[in-house]
Structures are given as structure tokens and as C-alpha cells.
Amino acid sequence: MGKRLRTGGTIGVGRCRIRFDFIFDGRRYRPSVLIAPTEANLRRARERLGHIKERIAAGTFSFVDEFPNFRDLDCVPSIGHAERAIKSSTHSSFIANPAWPKRTLHRLR
């Protein structure tokens, strides 16, 4: 059998991302951040995940504040209508800006 790694809920993905893994409102989420997965950064990510879990337990965690670029943010059940409206209007203003290069617009959609 293979070796099982204990990552503490954080794992390096490729050369430039760290992925978090936690349960929020009964659903598993695995958002990632654009940070190189060095040993020091993974240690800090585990500490950050510990703070996230504490805030989830206390009921003060805001998914939008912690992971504003999460691709499925609209599917997170605890996001209020006001936060969704802000995210969608911000997204629309980015797409409406003709100064953005085409490849950037493609990634935003």
C-alpha cells in the first residue's frame, strides 16, 4: 500500500498553489490560494486553516472575506444576497472593461 501523508488540511498543488481542505456548513470545500508551497508557506497555511476552523466553530467565518476568488462562491450557502450582489457587480465591471486583454477576459468568465 502507498504511504499516507498527513498534511493538516493543506497541500501544495503544483508549483504555485496551496489548497485548503475543510468542512463548512456540512459541505467539504477545497479552495486554493496562489502561494508557492514551500515548507514555511505550508506551515503558515496550516496555522491559517486552524484560525479558519476556530472562526467556523464560533460562527464568525466569512467565506467571501477569506477566499474572495473562490470559483464556486455563489454555491456557498452562508453567503448573503448583498455579498453575492457585490461579487456579481464587481465581476460584471471587470468583464465590461475593454482595457482587459482577451486572455484575461476569458479567465474571468
N, C-alpha and C. Protein backbone atom coordinates (compact mmCIF):
# COMPACT_ATOMS: atom_id res chain seq x y z
N MET A 1 0.84 -1.18 0.00
CA MET A 1 0.00 0.00 0.00
C MET A 1 0.88 1.24 0.00
N GLY A 2 0.31 2.34 -0.45
CA GLY A 2 1.03 3.60 -0.52
C GLY A 2 1.18 4.27 0.83
N LYS A 3 2.07 5.21 0.88
CA LYS A 3 2.31 5.97 2.10
C LYS A 3 1.25 7.06 2.22
N ARG A 4 0.67 7.20 3.37
CA ARG A 4 -0.35 8.22 3.59
C ARG A 4 0.27 9.44 4.25
N LEU A 5 0.13 10.58 3.60
CA LEU A 5 0.70 11.82 4.13
C LEU A 5 -0.30 12.53 5.02
N ARG A 6 0.18 13.08 6.09
CA ARG A 6 -0.66 13.90 6.97
C ARG A 6 -0.31 15.35 6.69
N THR A 7 -1.24 16.06 6.08
CA THR A 7 -0.95 17.43 5.66
C THR A 7 -1.61 18.47 6.54
N GLY A 8 -2.47 18.06 7.43
CA GLY A 8 -3.13 19.02 8.30
C GLY A 8 -4.18 19.85 7.60
N GLY A 9 -4.69 19.37 6.47
CA GLY A 9 -5.73 20.09 5.75
C GLY A 9 -5.21 21.06 4.71
N THR A 10 -3.90 21.09 4.51
CA THR A 10 -3.32 21.93 3.46
C THR A 10 -2.39 21.07 2.62
N ILE A 11 -2.34 21.35 1.34
CA ILE A 11 -1.47 20.59 0.45
C ILE A 11 -1.00 21.49 -0.68
N GLY A 12 0.23 21.28 -1.11
CA GLY A 12 0.75 22.02 -2.25
C GLY A 12 0.19 21.44 -3.54
N VAL A 13 -0.22 22.31 -4.43
CA VAL A 13 -0.76 21.89 -5.72
C VAL A 13 0.10 22.52 -6.80
N GLY A 14 0.86 21.70 -7.48
CA GLY A 14 1.76 22.24 -8.49
C GLY A 14 2.88 23.05 -7.84
N ARG A 15 3.33 24.06 -8.57
CA ARG A 15 4.45 24.86 -8.09
C ARG A 15 4.03 26.20 -7.53
N CYS A 16 2.73 26.53 -7.63
CA CYS A 16 2.35 27.89 -7.25
C CYS A 16 1.05 27.99 -6.46
N ARG A 17 0.51 26.88 -5.96
CA ARG A 17 -0.76 26.94 -5.23
C ARG A 17 -0.73 26.12 -3.96
N ILE A 18 -1.48 26.58 -2.97
CA ILE A 18 -1.73 25.82 -1.75
C ILE A 18 -3.23 25.64 -1.64
N ARG A 19 -3.66 24.39 -1.42
CA ARG A 19 -5.08 24.08 -1.31
C ARG A 19 -5.43 23.78 0.14
N PHE A 20 -6.52 24.40 0.59
CA PHE A 20 -7.07 24.15 1.92
C PHE A 20 -8.17 23.10 1.79
N ASP A 21 -8.39 22.36 2.84
CA ASP A 21 -9.43 21.33 2.84
C ASP A 21 -10.14 21.39 4.19
N PHE A 22 -11.45 21.76 4.18
CA PHE A 22 -12.19 21.86 5.43
C PHE A 22 -13.68 21.70 5.17
N ILE A 23 -14.42 21.48 6.26
CA ILE A 23 -15.87 21.33 6.21
C ILE A 23 -16.50 22.62 6.70
N PHE A 24 -17.46 23.15 5.92
CA PHE A 24 -18.16 24.37 6.29
C PHE A 24 -19.64 24.18 5.95
N ASP A 25 -20.51 24.37 6.93
CA ASP A 25 -21.95 24.15 6.77
C ASP A 25 -22.27 22.76 6.24
N GLY A 26 -21.52 21.76 6.73
CA GLY A 26 -21.78 20.38 6.35
C GLY A 26 -21.30 19.98 4.96
N ARG A 27 -20.55 20.83 4.32
CA ARG A 27 -20.07 20.54 2.97
C ARG A 27 -18.55 20.73 2.93
N ARG A 28 -17.87 19.86 2.18
CA ARG A 28 -16.42 19.94 2.07
C ARG A 28 -16.04 20.99 1.02
N TYR A 29 -15.12 21.87 1.39
CA TYR A 29 -14.60 22.88 0.47
C TYR A 29 -13.09 22.72 0.36
N ARG A 30 -12.58 22.95 -0.84
CA ARG A 30 -11.14 22.86 -1.07
C ARG A 30 -10.66 24.07 -1.89
N PRO A 31 -10.75 25.27 -1.31
CA PRO A 31 -10.27 26.45 -2.04
C PRO A 31 -8.74 26.47 -2.06
N SER A 32 -8.19 27.15 -3.04
CA SER A 32 -6.74 27.27 -3.11
C SER A 32 -6.36 28.74 -3.21
N VAL A 33 -5.12 29.01 -2.84
CA VAL A 33 -4.57 30.36 -2.91
C VAL A 33 -3.29 30.31 -3.74
N LEU A 34 -2.99 31.40 -4.39
CA LEU A 34 -1.84 31.49 -5.27
C LEU A 34 -0.58 31.84 -4.47
N ILE A 35 -0.04 30.82 -3.81
CA ILE A 35 1.17 30.96 -3.00
C ILE A 35 2.03 29.72 -3.24
N ALA A 36 3.31 29.91 -3.42
CA ALA A 36 4.21 28.77 -3.63
C ALA A 36 4.20 27.86 -2.41
N PRO A 37 4.10 26.54 -2.62
CA PRO A 37 4.00 25.61 -1.49
C PRO A 37 5.36 25.25 -0.88
N THR A 38 6.04 26.23 -0.34
CA THR A 38 7.29 25.96 0.37
C THR A 38 6.93 25.44 1.77
N GLU A 39 7.92 24.92 2.47
CA GLU A 39 7.65 24.40 3.82
C GLU A 39 7.12 25.49 4.74
N ALA A 40 7.71 26.67 4.66
CA ALA A 40 7.27 27.78 5.51
C ALA A 40 5.84 28.20 5.16
N ASN A 41 5.54 28.29 3.87
CA ASN A 41 4.19 28.69 3.46
C ASN A 41 3.15 27.64 3.83
N LEU A 42 3.51 26.35 3.72
CA LEU A 42 2.58 25.30 4.13
C LEU A 42 2.33 25.35 5.64
N ARG A 43 3.38 25.66 6.42
CA ARG A 43 3.21 25.80 7.86
C ARG A 43 2.26 26.96 8.18
N ARG A 44 2.47 28.09 7.51
CA ARG A 44 1.57 29.24 7.72
C ARG A 44 0.15 28.93 7.26
N ALA A 45 0.02 28.17 6.19
CA ALA A 45 -1.31 27.79 5.70
C ALA A 45 -2.02 26.90 6.72
N ARG A 46 -1.28 25.98 7.36
CA ARG A 46 -1.89 25.14 8.41
C ARG A 46 -2.35 25.99 9.58
N GLU A 47 -1.54 27.00 9.95
CA GLU A 47 -1.95 27.91 11.02
C GLU A 47 -3.19 28.70 10.62
N ARG A 48 -3.21 29.17 9.38
CA ARG A 48 -4.38 29.91 8.87
C ARG A 48 -5.62 29.03 8.88
N LEU A 49 -5.45 27.76 8.49
CA LEU A 49 -6.57 26.83 8.50
C LEU A 49 -7.08 26.61 9.92
N GLY A 50 -6.16 26.57 10.89
CA GLY A 50 -6.58 26.44 12.28
C GLY A 50 -7.44 27.62 12.72
N HIS A 51 -7.05 28.84 12.30
CA HIS A 51 -7.85 30.04 12.61
C HIS A 51 -9.20 29.99 11.89
N ILE A 52 -9.20 29.50 10.66
CA ILE A 52 -10.46 29.38 9.91
C ILE A 52 -11.41 28.44 10.65
N LYS A 53 -10.90 27.29 11.08
CA LYS A 53 -11.74 26.32 11.79
C LYS A 53 -12.26 26.88 13.10
N GLU A 54 -11.44 27.67 13.79
CA GLU A 54 -11.90 28.31 15.03
C GLU A 54 -13.04 29.28 14.75
N ARG A 55 -12.91 30.06 13.67
CA ARG A 55 -13.98 31.01 13.33
C ARG A 55 -15.23 30.29 12.84
N ILE A 56 -15.07 29.16 12.17
CA ILE A 56 -16.24 28.37 11.77
C ILE A 56 -16.98 27.90 13.02
N ALA A 57 -16.24 27.38 14.00
CA ALA A 57 -16.85 26.91 15.24
C ALA A 57 -17.53 28.04 16.00
N ALA A 58 -16.93 29.24 15.95
CA ALA A 58 -17.51 30.39 16.65
C ALA A 58 -18.65 31.04 15.87
N GLY A 59 -18.78 30.69 14.59
CA GLY A 59 -19.84 31.26 13.76
C GLY A 59 -19.49 32.62 13.19
N THR A 60 -18.22 32.97 13.16
CA THR A 60 -17.80 34.29 12.66
C THR A 60 -17.06 34.21 11.33
N PHE A 61 -16.98 33.03 10.74
CA PHE A 61 -16.23 32.86 9.50
C PHE A 61 -17.01 33.42 8.31
N SER A 62 -16.32 34.20 7.49
CA SER A 62 -16.89 34.73 6.25
C SER A 62 -16.09 34.18 5.08
N PHE A 63 -16.72 33.33 4.31
CA PHE A 63 -16.06 32.70 3.17
C PHE A 63 -15.60 33.76 2.16
N VAL A 64 -16.43 34.77 1.94
CA VAL A 64 -16.11 35.82 0.97
C VAL A 64 -14.86 36.59 1.39
N ASP A 65 -14.73 36.90 2.66
CA ASP A 65 -13.56 37.64 3.13
C ASP A 65 -12.29 36.80 3.04
N GLU A 66 -12.40 35.52 3.33
CA GLU A 66 -11.22 34.67 3.36
C GLU A 66 -10.78 34.22 1.96
N PHE A 67 -11.74 33.88 1.11
CA PHE A 67 -11.44 33.39 -0.23
C PHE A 67 -12.29 34.14 -1.27
N PRO A 68 -11.97 35.40 -1.54
CA PRO A 68 -12.80 36.19 -2.45
C PRO A 68 -12.78 35.71 -3.90
N ASN A 69 -11.76 34.95 -4.29
CA ASN A 69 -11.66 34.49 -5.67
C ASN A 69 -12.07 33.03 -5.85
N PHE A 70 -12.76 32.46 -4.87
CA PHE A 70 -13.21 31.08 -4.96
C PHE A 70 -14.17 30.94 -6.13
N ARG A 71 -13.93 29.97 -7.00
CA ARG A 71 -14.69 29.90 -8.26
C ARG A 71 -16.16 29.56 -8.06
N ASP A 72 -16.51 28.83 -7.03
CA ASP A 72 -17.91 28.46 -6.77
C ASP A 72 -18.49 29.25 -5.61
N LEU A 73 -18.13 30.49 -5.50
CA LEU A 73 -18.56 31.33 -4.39
C LEU A 73 -20.08 31.45 -4.32
N ASP A 74 -20.74 31.41 -5.47
CA ASP A 74 -22.20 31.50 -5.49
C ASP A 74 -22.87 30.27 -4.87
N CYS A 75 -22.15 29.16 -4.79
CA CYS A 75 -22.71 27.93 -4.23
C CYS A 75 -22.53 27.82 -2.73
N VAL A 76 -21.77 28.70 -2.13
CA VAL A 76 -21.55 28.67 -0.68
C VAL A 76 -22.83 29.12 0.00
N PRO A 77 -23.46 28.27 0.83
CA PRO A 77 -24.79 28.56 1.36
C PRO A 77 -24.87 29.73 2.33
N SER A 78 -23.80 30.08 3.01
CA SER A 78 -23.90 31.11 4.04
C SER A 78 -23.67 32.52 3.50
N ILE A 79 -23.46 32.67 2.22
CA ILE A 79 -23.24 33.99 1.65
C ILE A 79 -24.58 34.69 1.49
N GLY A 80 -24.67 35.88 2.03
CA GLY A 80 -25.91 36.64 1.94
C GLY A 80 -26.12 37.22 0.56
N HIS A 81 -27.33 37.69 0.30
CA HIS A 81 -27.66 38.25 -1.01
C HIS A 81 -26.83 39.49 -1.31
N ALA A 82 -26.53 40.31 -0.31
CA ALA A 82 -25.74 41.53 -0.53
C ALA A 82 -24.33 41.18 -0.99
N GLU A 83 -23.72 40.16 -0.35
CA GLU A 83 -22.37 39.77 -0.74
C GLU A 83 -22.36 39.20 -2.15
N ARG A 84 -23.38 38.42 -2.52
CA ARG A 84 -23.47 37.90 -3.88
C ARG A 84 -23.61 39.02 -4.89
N ALA A 85 -24.41 40.04 -4.56
CA ALA A 85 -24.62 41.16 -5.46
C ALA A 85 -23.32 41.93 -5.67
N ILE A 86 -22.56 42.12 -4.61
CA ILE A 86 -21.28 42.82 -4.73
C ILE A 86 -20.34 42.03 -5.62
N LYS A 87 -20.27 40.72 -5.40
CA LYS A 87 -19.38 39.90 -6.21
C LYS A 87 -19.79 39.92 -7.67
N SER A 88 -21.08 39.78 -7.96
CA SER A 88 -21.52 39.74 -9.35
C SER A 88 -21.35 41.10 -10.03
N SER A 89 -21.57 42.20 -9.30
CA SER A 89 -21.39 43.51 -9.92
C SER A 89 -19.92 43.79 -10.17
N THR A 90 -19.05 43.35 -9.26
CA THR A 90 -17.62 43.53 -9.47
C THR A 90 -17.17 42.71 -10.68
N HIS A 91 -17.65 41.48 -10.77
CA HIS A 91 -17.31 40.61 -11.89
C HIS A 91 -17.79 41.23 -13.20
N SER A 92 -18.99 41.81 -13.23
CA SER A 92 -19.53 42.43 -14.43
C SER A 92 -18.71 43.64 -14.84
N SER A 93 -18.24 44.43 -13.85
CA SER A 93 -17.46 45.61 -14.21
C SER A 93 -16.11 45.22 -14.80
N PHE A 94 -15.54 44.08 -14.33
CA PHE A 94 -14.29 43.62 -14.92
C PHE A 94 -14.50 43.21 -16.38
N ILE A 95 -15.56 42.48 -16.63
CA ILE A 95 -15.81 41.99 -17.98
C ILE A 95 -16.18 43.13 -18.91
N ALA A 96 -16.83 44.16 -18.40
CA ALA A 96 -17.23 45.29 -19.23
C ALA A 96 -16.06 46.20 -19.59
N ASN A 97 -14.94 46.07 -18.91
CA ASN A 97 -13.80 46.94 -19.14
C ASN A 97 -13.07 46.51 -20.42
N PRO A 98 -13.08 47.34 -21.48
CA PRO A 98 -12.44 46.95 -22.74
C PRO A 98 -10.92 46.98 -22.68
N ALA A 99 -10.35 47.52 -21.60
CA ALA A 99 -8.90 47.59 -21.50
C ALA A 99 -8.26 46.25 -21.15
N TRP A 100 -9.05 45.28 -20.69
CA TRP A 100 -8.50 43.98 -20.32
C TRP A 100 -8.11 43.21 -21.58
N PRO A 101 -6.96 42.53 -21.56
CA PRO A 101 -6.59 41.68 -22.70
C PRO A 101 -7.58 40.52 -22.83
N LYS A 102 -7.70 39.98 -24.03
CA LYS A 102 -8.68 38.92 -24.27
C LYS A 102 -8.44 37.69 -23.40
N ARG A 103 -7.18 37.31 -23.18
CA ARG A 103 -6.93 36.11 -22.38
C ARG A 103 -7.37 36.31 -20.93
N THR A 104 -7.25 37.54 -20.41
CA THR A 104 -7.71 37.84 -19.05
C THR A 104 -9.23 37.75 -18.99
N LEU A 105 -9.90 38.30 -19.98
CA LEU A 105 -11.36 38.24 -20.01
C LEU A 105 -11.84 36.80 -20.08
N HIS A 106 -11.13 35.97 -20.83
CA HIS A 106 -11.50 34.56 -20.93
C HIS A 106 -11.43 33.88 -19.56
N ARG A 107 -10.40 34.21 -18.77
CA ARG A 107 -10.25 33.62 -17.44
C ARG A 107 -11.30 34.12 -16.47
N LEU A 108 -11.77 35.35 -16.64
CA LEU A 108 -12.76 35.91 -15.72
C LEU A 108 -14.15 35.35 -15.96
N ARG A 109 -14.43 34.88 -17.14
CA ARG A 109 -15.78 34.40 -17.45
C ARG A 109 -16.05 33.04 -16.97
